[in-house]
PDB file of all heavy atoms in Angstrom:
ATOM      1  N   LEU A   1      -5.002 -25.832  -3.050  1.00  0.00           N
ATOM      2  CA  LEU A   1      -6.058 -26.648  -3.652  1.00  0.00           C
ATOM      3  C   LEU A   1      -5.473 -27.915  -4.253  1.00  0.00           C
ATOM      4  O   LEU A   1      -6.025 -28.992  -4.139  1.00  0.00           O
ATOM      5  CB  LEU A   1      -6.789 -25.851  -4.732  1.00  0.00           C
ATOM      6  CG  LEU A   1      -7.658 -24.687  -4.238  1.00  0.00           C
ATOM      7  CD1 LEU A   1      -8.220 -23.885  -5.460  1.00  0.00           C
ATOM      8  CD2 LEU A   1      -8.812 -25.138  -3.348  1.00  0.00           C
ATOM      9  N   ARG A   2      -4.297 -27.760  -4.906  1.00  0.00           N
ATOM     10  CA  ARG A   2      -3.651 -28.913  -5.564  1.00  0.00           C
ATOM     11  C   ARG A   2      -3.224 -29.975  -4.537  1.00  0.00           C
ATOM     12  O   ARG A   2      -3.495 -31.172  -4.726  1.00  0.00           O
ATOM     13  CB  ARG A   2      -2.446 -28.453  -6.404  1.00  0.00           C
ATOM     14  CG  ARG A   2      -1.854 -29.598  -7.286  1.00  0.00           C
ATOM     15  CD  ARG A   2      -0.711 -29.061  -8.152  1.00  0.00           C
ATOM     16  NE  ARG A   2      -1.198 -28.044  -9.068  1.00  0.00           N
ATOM     17  CZ  ARG A   2      -0.886 -26.766  -8.987  1.00  0.00           C
ATOM     18  NH1 ARG A   2      -0.050 -26.351  -8.067  1.00  0.00           N
ATOM     19  NH2 ARG A   2      -1.378 -25.890  -9.805  1.00  0.00           N
ATOM     20  N   SER A   3      -2.564 -29.540  -3.484  1.00  0.00           N
ATOM     21  CA  SER A   3      -2.018 -30.516  -2.523  1.00  0.00           C
ATOM     22  C   SER A   3      -3.162 -31.106  -1.689  1.00  0.00           C
ATOM     23  O   SER A   3      -3.200 -32.317  -1.432  1.00  0.00           O
ATOM     24  CB  SER A   3      -0.957 -29.869  -1.650  1.00  0.00           C
ATOM     25  OG  SER A   3      -1.460 -28.735  -1.015  1.00  0.00           O
ATOM     26  N   LYS A   4      -4.093 -30.258  -1.232  1.00  0.00           N
ATOM     27  CA  LYS A   4      -5.158 -30.733  -0.377  1.00  0.00           C
ATOM     28  C   LYS A   4      -6.160 -31.646  -1.143  1.00  0.00           C
ATOM     29  O   LYS A   4      -6.698 -32.607  -0.614  1.00  0.00           O
ATOM     30  CB  LYS A   4      -5.893 -29.513   0.206  1.00  0.00           C
ATOM     31  CG  LYS A   4      -6.476 -29.805   1.585  1.00  0.00           C
ATOM     32  CD  LYS A   4      -6.977 -28.523   2.243  1.00  0.00           C
ATOM     33  CE  LYS A   4      -7.950 -28.975   3.386  1.00  0.00           C
ATOM     34  NZ  LYS A   4      -8.766 -27.855   3.851  1.00  0.00           N
ATOM     35  N   GLY A   5      -6.418 -31.228  -2.388  1.00  0.00           N
ATOM     36  CA  GLY A   5      -7.354 -32.030  -3.228  1.00  0.00           C
ATOM     37  C   GLY A   5      -6.681 -33.148  -3.980  1.00  0.00           C
ATOM     38  O   GLY A   5      -7.342 -33.875  -4.740  1.00  0.00           O
ATOM     39  N   PHE A   6      -5.345 -33.302  -3.789  1.00  0.00           N
ATOM     40  CA  PHE A   6      -4.536 -34.281  -4.516  1.00  0.00           C
ATOM     41  C   PHE A   6      -4.842 -34.220  -6.031  1.00  0.00           C
ATOM     42  O   PHE A   6      -5.315 -35.175  -6.662  1.00  0.00           O
ATOM     43  CB  PHE A   6      -4.715 -35.715  -3.957  1.00  0.00           C
ATOM     44  CG  PHE A   6      -3.577 -36.625  -4.365  1.00  0.00           C
ATOM     45  CD1 PHE A   6      -2.298 -36.424  -3.841  1.00  0.00           C
ATOM     46  CD2 PHE A   6      -3.735 -37.591  -5.332  1.00  0.00           C
ATOM     47  CE1 PHE A   6      -1.216 -37.202  -4.252  1.00  0.00           C
ATOM     48  CE2 PHE A   6      -2.691 -38.365  -5.753  1.00  0.00           C
ATOM     49  CZ  PHE A   6      -1.402 -38.196  -5.221  1.00  0.00           C
ATOM     50  N   GLU A   7      -4.599 -33.062  -6.575  1.00  0.00           N
ATOM     51  CA  GLU A   7      -4.911 -32.798  -7.994  1.00  0.00           C
ATOM     52  C   GLU A   7      -3.786 -33.164  -8.908  1.00  0.00           C
ATOM     53  O   GLU A   7      -3.030 -32.315  -9.378  1.00  0.00           O
ATOM     54  CB  GLU A   7      -5.369 -31.336  -8.134  1.00  0.00           C
ATOM     55  CG  GLU A   7      -6.615 -30.985  -7.349  1.00  0.00           C
ATOM     56  CD  GLU A   7      -7.871 -31.740  -7.788  1.00  0.00           C
ATOM     57  OE1 GLU A   7      -7.826 -32.433  -8.832  1.00  0.00           O
ATOM     58  OE2 GLU A   7      -8.899 -31.676  -7.117  1.00  0.00           O
ATOM     59  N   PHE A   8      -3.715 -34.458  -9.191  1.00  0.00           N
ATOM     60  CA  PHE A   8      -2.736 -34.964 -10.155  1.00  0.00           C
ATOM     61  C   PHE A   8      -3.481 -35.933 -11.081  1.00  0.00           C
ATOM     62  O   PHE A   8      -4.309 -36.728 -10.604  1.00  0.00           O
ATOM     63  CB  PHE A   8      -1.580 -35.670  -9.450  1.00  0.00           C
ATOM     64  CG  PHE A   8      -0.789 -34.740  -8.546  1.00  0.00           C
ATOM     65  CD1 PHE A   8      -1.160 -34.600  -7.201  1.00  0.00           C
ATOM     66  CD2 PHE A   8       0.243 -33.970  -9.036  1.00  0.00           C
ATOM     67  CE1 PHE A   8      -0.465 -33.711  -6.367  1.00  0.00           C
ATOM     68  CE2 PHE A   8       0.938 -33.087  -8.218  1.00  0.00           C
ATOM     69  CZ  PHE A   8       0.570 -32.963  -6.906  1.00  0.00           C
ATOM     70  N   GLY A   9      -3.203 -35.874 -12.389  1.00  0.00           N
ATOM     71  CA  GLY A   9      -3.989 -36.653 -13.358  1.00  0.00           C
ATOM     72  C   GLY A   9      -3.932 -38.145 -13.103  1.00  0.00           C
ATOM     73  O   GLY A   9      -2.857 -38.702 -12.868  1.00  0.00           O
ATOM     74  N   THR A  10      -5.083 -38.836 -13.174  1.00  0.00           N
ATOM     75  CA  THR A  10      -5.154 -40.275 -12.993  1.00  0.00           C
ATOM     76  C   THR A  10      -4.380 -40.984 -14.102  1.00  0.00           C
ATOM     77  O   THR A  10      -3.723 -41.996 -13.879  1.00  0.00           O
ATOM     78  CB  THR A  10      -6.617 -40.777 -13.010  1.00  0.00           C
ATOM     79  OG1 THR A  10      -7.342 -40.055 -12.030  1.00  0.00           O
ATOM     80  CG2 THR A  10      -6.729 -42.250 -12.749  1.00  0.00           C
ATOM     81  N   THR A  11      -4.506 -40.501 -15.303  1.00  0.00           N
ATOM     82  CA  THR A  11      -3.874 -41.130 -16.472  1.00  0.00           C
ATOM     83  C   THR A  11      -2.405 -40.709 -16.619  1.00  0.00           C
ATOM     84  O   THR A  11      -1.555 -41.538 -16.896  1.00  0.00           O
ATOM     85  CB  THR A  11      -4.661 -40.783 -17.758  1.00  0.00           C
ATOM     86  OG1 THR A  11      -6.001 -41.269 -17.588  1.00  0.00           O
ATOM     87  CG2 THR A  11      -4.057 -41.454 -18.982  1.00  0.00           C
ATOM     88  N   THR A  12      -2.162 -39.402 -16.476  1.00  0.00           N
ATOM     89  CA  THR A  12      -0.829 -38.897 -16.820  1.00  0.00           C
ATOM     90  C   THR A  12       0.063 -38.615 -15.589  1.00  0.00           C
ATOM     91  O   THR A  12       1.299 -38.536 -15.740  1.00  0.00           O
ATOM     92  CB  THR A  12      -0.961 -37.545 -17.550  1.00  0.00           C
ATOM     93  OG1 THR A  12      -1.685 -36.633 -16.691  1.00  0.00           O
ATOM     94  CG2 THR A  12      -1.766 -37.713 -18.838  1.00  0.00           C
ATOM     95  N   GLY A  13      -0.567 -38.456 -14.408  1.00  0.00           N
ATOM     96  CA  GLY A  13       0.222 -38.072 -13.224  1.00  0.00           C
ATOM     97  C   GLY A  13       0.580 -36.597 -13.218  1.00  0.00           C
ATOM     98  O   GLY A  13       1.256 -36.078 -12.311  1.00  0.00           O
ATOM     99  N   ARG A  14       0.166 -35.848 -14.284  1.00  0.00           N
ATOM    100  CA  ARG A  14       0.487 -34.423 -14.377  1.00  0.00           C
ATOM    101  C   ARG A  14      -0.200 -33.655 -13.291  1.00  0.00           C
ATOM    102  O   ARG A  14      -1.382 -33.919 -12.990  1.00  0.00           O
ATOM    103  CB  ARG A  14       0.077 -33.851 -15.746  1.00  0.00           C
ATOM    104  CG  ARG A  14       0.866 -34.324 -16.916  1.00  0.00           C
ATOM    105  CD  ARG A  14       0.466 -33.628 -18.208  1.00  0.00           C
ATOM    106  NE  ARG A  14      -0.835 -34.058 -18.677  1.00  0.00           N
ATOM    107  CZ  ARG A  14      -1.317 -33.847 -19.922  1.00  0.00           C
ATOM    108  NH1 ARG A  14      -0.571 -33.236 -20.791  1.00  0.00           N
ATOM    109  NH2 ARG A  14      -2.511 -34.256 -20.273  1.00  0.00           N
ATOM    110  N   PRO A  15       0.475 -32.636 -12.682  1.00  0.00           N
ATOM    111  CA  PRO A  15      -0.217 -31.781 -11.741  1.00  0.00           C
ATOM    112  C   PRO A  15      -1.348 -31.018 -12.462  1.00  0.00           C
ATOM    113  O   PRO A  15      -1.150 -30.491 -13.546  1.00  0.00           O
ATOM    114  CB  PRO A  15       0.849 -30.791 -11.241  1.00  0.00           C
ATOM    115  CG  PRO A  15       2.076 -31.078 -11.997  1.00  0.00           C
ATOM    116  CD  PRO A  15       1.892 -32.230 -12.861  1.00  0.00           C
ATOM    117  N   ARG A  16      -2.517 -31.012 -11.878  1.00  0.00           N
ATOM    118  CA  ARG A  16      -3.644 -30.295 -12.497  1.00  0.00           C
ATOM    119  C   ARG A  16      -3.521 -28.792 -12.202  1.00  0.00           C
ATOM    120  O   ARG A  16      -3.042 -28.406 -11.135  1.00  0.00           O
ATOM    121  CB  ARG A  16      -4.978 -30.814 -11.958  1.00  0.00           C
ATOM    122  CG  ARG A  16      -5.237 -32.249 -12.366  1.00  0.00           C
ATOM    123  CD  ARG A  16      -6.566 -32.776 -11.866  1.00  0.00           C
ATOM    124  NE  ARG A  16      -6.687 -34.209 -12.151  1.00  0.00           N
ATOM    125  CZ  ARG A  16      -7.160 -35.121 -11.281  1.00  0.00           C
ATOM    126  NH1 ARG A  16      -7.573 -34.741 -10.104  1.00  0.00           N
ATOM    127  NH2 ARG A  16      -7.205 -36.403 -11.643  1.00  0.00           N
ATOM    128  N   ARG A  17      -3.984 -28.002 -13.131  1.00  0.00           N
ATOM    129  CA  ARG A  17      -4.083 -26.562 -12.924  1.00  0.00           C
ATOM    130  C   ARG A  17      -5.297 -26.319 -12.025  1.00  0.00           C
ATOM    131  O   ARG A  17      -6.311 -26.985 -12.221  1.00  0.00           O
ATOM    132  CB  ARG A  17      -4.232 -25.830 -14.274  1.00  0.00           C
ATOM    133  CG  ARG A  17      -3.030 -26.052 -15.175  1.00  0.00           C
ATOM    134  CD  ARG A  17      -3.346 -25.854 -16.643  1.00  0.00           C
ATOM    135  NE  ARG A  17      -3.689 -24.476 -16.958  1.00  0.00           N
ATOM    136  CZ  ARG A  17      -4.222 -24.044 -18.092  1.00  0.00           C
ATOM    137  NH1 ARG A  17      -4.471 -24.913 -19.053  1.00  0.00           N
ATOM    138  NH2 ARG A  17      -4.507 -22.769 -18.284  1.00  0.00           N
ATOM    139  N   THR A  18      -5.210 -25.421 -11.070  1.00  0.00           N
ATOM    140  CA  THR A  18      -6.302 -25.235 -10.109  1.00  0.00           C
ATOM    141  C   THR A  18      -6.758 -23.791 -10.069  1.00  0.00           C
ATOM    142  O   THR A  18      -5.993 -22.876 -10.358  1.00  0.00           O
ATOM    143  CB  THR A  18      -5.860 -25.656  -8.690  1.00  0.00           C
ATOM    144  OG1 THR A  18      -4.639 -24.924  -8.376  1.00  0.00           O
ATOM    145  CG2 THR A  18      -5.562 -27.131  -8.588  1.00  0.00           C
ATOM    146  N   GLY A  19      -8.033 -23.608  -9.718  1.00  0.00           N
ATOM    147  CA  GLY A  19      -8.592 -22.276  -9.621  1.00  0.00           C
ATOM    148  C   GLY A  19      -9.879 -22.293  -8.812  1.00  0.00           C
ATOM    149  O   GLY A  19     -10.404 -23.366  -8.459  1.00  0.00           O
ATOM    150  N   TRP A  20     -10.422 -21.146  -8.533  1.00  0.00           N
ATOM    151  CA  TRP A  20     -11.697 -21.040  -7.785  1.00  0.00           C
ATOM    152  C   TRP A  20     -12.859 -21.459  -8.665  1.00  0.00           C
ATOM    153  O   TRP A  20     -12.741 -21.579  -9.887  1.00  0.00           O
ATOM    154  CB  TRP A  20     -11.908 -19.624  -7.280  1.00  0.00           C
ATOM    155  CG  TRP A  20     -10.828 -19.140  -6.317  1.00  0.00           C
ATOM    156  CD1 TRP A  20     -10.020 -18.056  -6.518  1.00  0.00           C
ATOM    157  CD2 TRP A  20     -10.444 -19.691  -5.083  1.00  0.00           C
ATOM    158  NE1 TRP A  20      -9.158 -17.888  -5.444  1.00  0.00           N
ATOM    159  CE2 TRP A  20      -9.433 -18.904  -4.542  1.00  0.00           C
ATOM    160  CE3 TRP A  20     -10.906 -20.801  -4.323  1.00  0.00           C
ATOM    161  CZ2 TRP A  20      -8.798 -19.176  -3.311  1.00  0.00           C
ATOM    162  CZ3 TRP A  20     -10.284 -21.064  -3.097  1.00  0.00           C
ATOM    163  CH2 TRP A  20      -9.236 -20.282  -2.624  1.00  0.00           C
ATOM    164  N   TYR A  21     -13.994 -21.691  -8.023  1.00  0.00           N
ATOM    165  CA  TYR A  21     -15.212 -22.106  -8.721  1.00  0.00           C
ATOM    166  C   TYR A  21     -15.655 -21.042  -9.718  1.00  0.00           C
ATOM    167  O   TYR A  21     -15.631 -19.844  -9.441  1.00  0.00           O
ATOM    168  CB  TYR A  21     -16.323 -22.328  -7.659  1.00  0.00           C
ATOM    169  CG  TYR A  21     -17.572 -22.929  -8.225  1.00  0.00           C
ATOM    170  CD1 TYR A  21     -17.744 -24.306  -8.331  1.00  0.00           C
ATOM    171  CD2 TYR A  21     -18.662 -22.133  -8.625  1.00  0.00           C
ATOM    172  CE1 TYR A  21     -18.893 -24.861  -8.817  1.00  0.00           C
ATOM    173  CE2 TYR A  21     -19.835 -22.711  -9.110  1.00  0.00           C
ATOM    174  CZ  TYR A  21     -19.936 -24.063  -9.201  1.00  0.00           C
ATOM    175  OH  TYR A  21     -21.089 -24.652  -9.700  1.00  0.00           O
ATOM    176  N   ASP A  22     -16.025 -21.528 -10.901  1.00  0.00           N
ATOM    177  CA  ASP A  22     -16.454 -20.616 -11.961  1.00  0.00           C
ATOM    178  C   ASP A  22     -17.943 -20.888 -12.259  1.00  0.00           C
ATOM    179  O   ASP A  22     -18.286 -21.902 -12.882  1.00  0.00           O
ATOM    180  CB  ASP A  22     -15.590 -20.882 -13.219  1.00  0.00           C
ATOM    181  CG  ASP A  22     -15.803 -19.826 -14.332  1.00  0.00           C
ATOM    182  OD1 ASP A  22     -16.934 -19.355 -14.435  1.00  0.00           O
ATOM    183  OD2 ASP A  22     -14.862 -19.554 -15.055  1.00  0.00           O
ATOM    184  N   ALA A  23     -18.789 -19.993 -11.780  1.00  0.00           N
ATOM    185  CA  ALA A  23     -20.249 -20.186 -11.934  1.00  0.00           C
ATOM    186  C   ALA A  23     -20.690 -20.141 -13.355  1.00  0.00           C
ATOM    187  O   ALA A  23     -21.685 -20.779 -13.758  1.00  0.00           O
ATOM    188  CB  ALA A  23     -20.995 -19.156 -11.101  1.00  0.00           C
ATOM    189  N   LEU A  24     -19.980 -19.379 -14.203  1.00  0.00           N
ATOM    190  CA  LEU A  24     -20.371 -19.258 -15.622  1.00  0.00           C
ATOM    191  C   LEU A  24     -20.199 -20.583 -16.336  1.00  0.00           C
ATOM    192  O   LEU A  24     -21.052 -20.930 -17.190  1.00  0.00           O
ATOM    193  CB  LEU A  24     -19.550 -18.166 -16.359  1.00  0.00           C
ATOM    194  CG  LEU A  24     -19.904 -16.711 -16.033  1.00  0.00           C
ATOM    195  CD1 LEU A  24     -19.359 -16.296 -14.683  1.00  0.00           C
ATOM    196  CD2 LEU A  24     -19.322 -15.802 -17.125  1.00  0.00           C
ATOM    197  N   ILE A  25     -19.140 -21.294 -16.011  1.00  0.00           N
ATOM    198  CA  ILE A  25     -18.890 -22.584 -16.643  1.00  0.00           C
ATOM    199  C   ILE A  25     -19.960 -23.573 -16.282  1.00  0.00           C
ATOM    200  O   ILE A  25     -20.489 -24.277 -17.154  1.00  0.00           O
ATOM    201  CB  ILE A  25     -17.461 -23.085 -16.312  1.00  0.00           C
ATOM    202  CG1 ILE A  25     -16.440 -22.325 -17.165  1.00  0.00           C
ATOM    203  CG2 ILE A  25     -17.337 -24.578 -16.518  1.00  0.00           C
ATOM    204  CD1 ILE A  25     -15.022 -22.620 -16.812  1.00  0.00           C
ATOM    205  N   THR A  26     -20.320 -23.617 -14.997  1.00  0.00           N
ATOM    206  CA  THR A  26     -21.378 -24.580 -14.590  1.00  0.00           C
ATOM    207  C   THR A  26     -22.704 -24.231 -15.237  1.00  0.00           C
ATOM    208  O   THR A  26     -23.432 -25.098 -15.678  1.00  0.00           O
ATOM    209  CB  THR A  26     -21.511 -24.571 -13.046  1.00  0.00           C
ATOM    210  OG1 THR A  26     -20.226 -24.757 -12.466  1.00  0.00           O
ATOM    211  CG2 THR A  26     -22.441 -25.677 -12.576  1.00  0.00           C
ATOM    212  N   ARG A  27     -23.001 -22.948 -15.294  1.00  0.00           N
ATOM    213  CA  ARG A  27     -24.280 -22.498 -15.938  1.00  0.00           C
ATOM    214  C   ARG A  27     -24.284 -22.862 -17.422  1.00  0.00           C
ATOM    215  O   ARG A  27     -25.295 -23.327 -17.980  1.00  0.00           O
ATOM    216  CB  ARG A  27     -24.434 -20.991 -15.767  1.00  0.00           C
ATOM    217  CG  ARG A  27     -25.802 -20.494 -15.925  1.00  0.00           C
ATOM    218  CD  ARG A  27     -26.130 -19.204 -15.208  1.00  0.00           C
ATOM    219  NE  ARG A  27     -25.233 -18.103 -15.556  1.00  0.00           N
ATOM    220  CZ  ARG A  27     -24.441 -17.503 -14.695  1.00  0.00           C
ATOM    221  NH1 ARG A  27     -24.458 -17.858 -13.432  1.00  0.00           N
ATOM    222  NH2 ARG A  27     -23.644 -16.508 -15.064  1.00  0.00           N
ATOM    223  N   TYR A  28     -23.137 -22.702 -18.072  1.00  0.00           N
ATOM    224  CA  TYR A  28     -23.001 -23.068 -19.491  1.00  0.00           C
ATOM    225  C   TYR A  28     -23.205 -24.561 -19.642  1.00  0.00           C
ATOM    226  O   TYR A  28     -23.960 -25.010 -20.527  1.00  0.00           O
ATOM    227  CB  TYR A  28     -21.580 -22.652 -19.964  1.00  0.00           C
ATOM    228  CG  TYR A  28     -21.233 -23.055 -21.333  1.00  0.00           C
ATOM    229  CD1 TYR A  28     -21.685 -22.345 -22.455  1.00  0.00           C
ATOM    230  CD2 TYR A  28     -20.364 -24.143 -21.591  1.00  0.00           C
ATOM    231  CE1 TYR A  28     -21.306 -22.703 -23.749  1.00  0.00           C
ATOM    232  CE2 TYR A  28     -19.974 -24.490 -22.865  1.00  0.00           C
ATOM    233  CZ  TYR A  28     -20.462 -23.768 -23.947  1.00  0.00           C
ATOM    234  OH  TYR A  28     -20.079 -24.111 -25.237  1.00  0.00           O
ATOM    235  N   ALA A  29     -22.553 -25.357 -18.808  1.00  0.00           N
ATOM    236  CA  ALA A  29     -22.671 -26.827 -18.855  1.00  0.00           C
ATOM    237  C   ALA A  29     -24.114 -27.262 -18.612  1.00  0.00           C
ATOM    238  O   ALA A  29     -24.622 -28.186 -19.273  1.00  0.00           O
ATOM    239  CB  ALA A  29     -21.760 -27.466 -17.825  1.00  0.00           C
ATOM    240  N   THR A  30     -24.795 -26.616 -17.698  1.00  0.00           N
ATOM    241  CA  THR A  30     -26.187 -26.933 -17.416  1.00  0.00           C
ATOM    242  C   THR A  30     -27.038 -26.743 -18.660  1.00  0.00           C
ATOM    243  O   THR A  30     -27.893 -27.564 -18.994  1.00  0.00           O
ATOM    244  CB  THR A  30     -26.723 -26.039 -16.280  1.00  0.00           C
ATOM    245  OG1 THR A  30     -25.978 -26.326 -15.068  1.00  0.00           O
ATOM    246  CG2 THR A  30     -28.193 -26.273 -16.002  1.00  0.00           C
ATOM    247  N   ARG A  31     -26.786 -25.656 -19.387  1.00  0.00           N
ATOM    248  CA  ARG A  31     -27.539 -25.329 -20.602  1.00  0.00           C
ATOM    249  C   ARG A  31     -27.244 -26.282 -21.755  1.00  0.00           C
ATOM    250  O   ARG A  31     -28.159 -26.821 -22.396  1.00  0.00           O
ATOM    251  CB  ARG A  31     -27.204 -23.905 -21.027  1.00  0.00           C
ATOM    252  CG  ARG A  31     -28.003 -23.397 -22.218  1.00  0.00           C
ATOM    253  CD  ARG A  31     -27.775 -21.934 -22.466  1.00  0.00           C
ATOM    254  NE  ARG A  31     -26.559 -21.648 -23.226  1.00  0.00           N
ATOM    255  CZ  ARG A  31     -25.534 -20.945 -22.781  1.00  0.00           C
ATOM    256  NH1 ARG A  31     -25.546 -20.456 -21.562  1.00  0.00           N
ATOM    257  NH2 ARG A  31     -24.451 -20.722 -23.531  1.00  0.00           N
ATOM    258  N   ILE A  32     -25.944 -26.539 -21.988  1.00  0.00           N
ATOM    259  CA  ILE A  32     -25.528 -27.357 -23.128  1.00  0.00           C
ATOM    260  C   ILE A  32     -25.992 -28.813 -22.974  1.00  0.00           C
ATOM    261  O   ILE A  32     -26.379 -29.471 -23.940  1.00  0.00           O
ATOM    262  CB  ILE A  32     -23.967 -27.300 -23.289  1.00  0.00           C
ATOM    263  CG1 ILE A  32     -23.510 -25.907 -23.643  1.00  0.00           C
ATOM    264  CG2 ILE A  32     -23.457 -28.322 -24.301  1.00  0.00           C
ATOM    265  CD1 ILE A  32     -23.881 -25.416 -24.997  1.00  0.00           C
ATOM    266  N   ASN A  33     -25.925 -29.298 -21.742  1.00  0.00           N
ATOM    267  CA  ASN A  33     -26.233 -30.708 -21.493  1.00  0.00           C
ATOM    268  C   ASN A  33     -27.707 -30.950 -21.082  1.00  0.00           C
ATOM    269  O   ASN A  33     -28.152 -32.088 -21.064  1.00  0.00           O
ATOM    270  CB  ASN A  33     -25.349 -31.236 -20.361  1.00  0.00           C
ATOM    271  CG  ASN A  33     -23.897 -31.312 -20.735  1.00  0.00           C
ATOM    272  OD1 ASN A  33     -23.530 -32.104 -21.577  1.00  0.00           O
ATOM    273  ND2 ASN A  33     -23.076 -30.501 -20.123  1.00  0.00           N
TER     274      ASN A  33
END
């Protein structure tokens, strides 16, 4: 996911931590926002 998605920070250049889709987080964000 990191290499294919080129997951490195725009500001810091740090490699991003990667993981599968988390439906709970999206549902939480939908509610909060």
